[in-house]
Amino acid sequence: MKKRSPLAGVGPVTEKLSIYISQALRRPLPSQVAECAKHHVLDTLAAMVSGTTLPPGQRAIAYVRLFGGIPEATVVGTRLRTNVVLVALANGMLAHADETDDSHSPR
């Protein structure tokens, strides 16, 4: 039986993009991209910490706290540890609690 290619049935653009992405770890990021990524990560962490003091963030923390769960990860800016799914939910809500995203500024 002939082995089917994992890209069989996809269009040429999707195939090219898939190959590019699959090889991305072998290529270093341009220094400007790496520097920009660091700023975005720090900005997001700061927004998450800020979000712990705001009503949407506090509601997210309270909601997650209700479920308990296995202590696999920490909700940013708190001592609350629970399973990764609940932490991802809370941390995502914290990151957007005060809508201070830096990704919308004109450049």
Protein backbone atom coordinates (compact mmCIF):
# COMPACT_ATOMS: atom_id res chain seq x y z
CA MET A 1 0.00 0.00 0.00
CA LYS A 2 1.40 3.38 -1.02
CA LYS A 3 1.99 5.81 1.86
CA ARG A 4 -0.06 8.97 1.46
CA SER A 5 1.74 12.30 1.79
CA PRO A 6 0.58 14.37 4.80
CA LEU A 7 0.16 17.27 2.37
CA ALA A 8 -1.91 15.36 -0.17
CA GLY A 9 -4.98 17.29 -1.17
CA VAL A 10 -3.81 20.72 -0.02
CA GLY A 11 -3.27 23.62 -2.37
CA PRO A 12 0.15 24.94 -3.38
CA VAL A 13 -0.01 27.98 -1.08
CA THR A 14 -0.92 25.85 1.94
CA GLU A 15 1.82 23.38 1.05
CA LYS A 16 4.44 26.14 0.79
CA LEU A 17 3.31 27.70 4.07
CA SER A 18 3.31 24.31 5.83
CA ILE A 19 6.86 23.58 4.71
CA TYR A 20 8.02 27.06 5.75
CA ILE A 21 6.47 26.70 9.22
CA SER A 22 7.83 23.17 9.72
CA GLN A 23 11.36 24.47 9.10
CA ALA A 24 11.02 27.63 11.20
CA LEU A 25 12.89 26.29 14.24
CA ARG A 26 15.98 25.80 12.08
CA ARG A 27 16.12 29.51 11.19
CA PRO A 28 17.03 32.23 13.70
CA LEU A 29 14.60 35.09 14.11
CA PRO A 30 15.79 38.43 12.78
CA SER A 31 17.13 40.46 15.72
CA GLN A 32 14.45 43.15 15.30
CA VAL A 33 11.70 40.51 15.46
CA ALA A 34 13.23 38.89 18.57
CA GLU A 35 13.51 42.28 20.30
CA CYS A 36 9.92 43.17 19.43
CA ALA A 37 8.72 39.79 20.73
CA LYS A 38 10.47 40.41 24.07
CA HIS A 39 8.67 43.74 24.43
CA HIS A 40 5.29 42.16 23.65
CA VAL A 41 5.86 39.36 26.20
CA LEU A 42 6.85 41.85 28.91
CA ASP A 43 3.90 44.09 28.02
CA THR A 44 1.52 41.13 28.29
CA LEU A 45 2.94 40.07 31.67
CA ALA A 46 2.57 43.63 32.95
CA ALA A 47 -1.03 43.75 31.70
CA MET A 48 -1.72 40.44 33.47
CA VAL A 49 -0.36 41.74 36.79
CA SER A 50 -2.38 44.94 36.35
CA GLY A 51 -5.44 42.85 35.49
CA THR A 52 -5.39 41.20 38.93
CA THR A 53 -6.50 44.52 40.46
CA LEU A 54 -9.38 45.17 38.07
CA PRO A 55 -12.95 43.79 38.29
CA PRO A 56 -12.72 41.53 35.18
CA GLY A 57 -9.48 40.03 36.44
CA GLN A 58 -10.77 39.61 39.97
CA ARG A 59 -13.84 37.82 38.61
CA ALA A 60 -11.62 35.50 36.57
CA ILE A 61 -9.54 34.67 39.65
CA ALA A 62 -12.66 34.04 41.74
CA TYR A 63 -14.17 31.84 39.03
CA VAL A 64 -11.04 29.70 38.69
CA ARG A 65 -10.64 29.47 42.47
CA LEU A 66 -14.12 27.87 42.70
CA PHE A 67 -12.93 24.81 40.78
CA GLY A 68 -9.84 23.97 42.83
CA GLY A 69 -7.93 21.47 40.77
CA ILE A 70 -4.52 19.89 40.63
CA PRO A 71 -1.82 22.56 41.23
CA GLU A 72 -0.08 22.39 37.82
CA ALA A 73 0.42 26.10 37.10
CA THR A 74 0.06 29.54 38.68
CA VAL A 75 -2.35 32.34 37.87
CA VAL A 76 -0.06 35.33 37.20
CA GLY A 77 0.13 37.85 40.03
CA THR A 78 -1.45 35.49 42.58
CA ARG A 79 -0.56 32.51 44.72
CA LEU A 80 -3.40 30.55 43.12
CA ARG A 81 -2.29 27.27 41.55
CA THR A 82 -4.63 25.00 39.65
CA ASN A 83 -4.77 22.93 36.46
CA VAL A 84 -3.35 24.31 33.25
CA VAL A 85 -6.72 24.74 31.54
CA LEU A 86 -8.11 26.96 34.30
CA VAL A 87 -4.82 28.87 34.57
CA ALA A 88 -4.84 29.51 30.81
CA LEU A 89 -8.40 30.84 31.07
CA ALA A 90 -7.61 33.12 34.03
CA ASN A 91 -4.31 34.37 32.61
CA GLY A 92 -5.93 35.13 29.26
CA MET A 93 -8.67 37.09 30.99
CA LEU A 94 -6.08 38.94 33.10
CA ALA A 95 -4.12 39.90 30.01
CA HIS A 96 -7.18 41.60 28.55
CA ALA A 97 -8.75 42.96 31.74
CA ASP A 98 -7.66 46.55 31.18
CA GLU A 99 -7.25 46.48 27.38
CA THR A 100 -3.81 48.08 27.32
CA ASP A 101 -2.60 46.05 24.36
CA ASP A 102 0.50 47.54 22.78
CA SER A 103 -0.08 45.82 19.47
CA HIS A 104 -2.50 48.47 18.22
CA SER A 105 -0.23 51.49 18.34
CA PRO A 106 0.76 53.21 15.09
CA ARG A 107 4.33 52.51 13.99
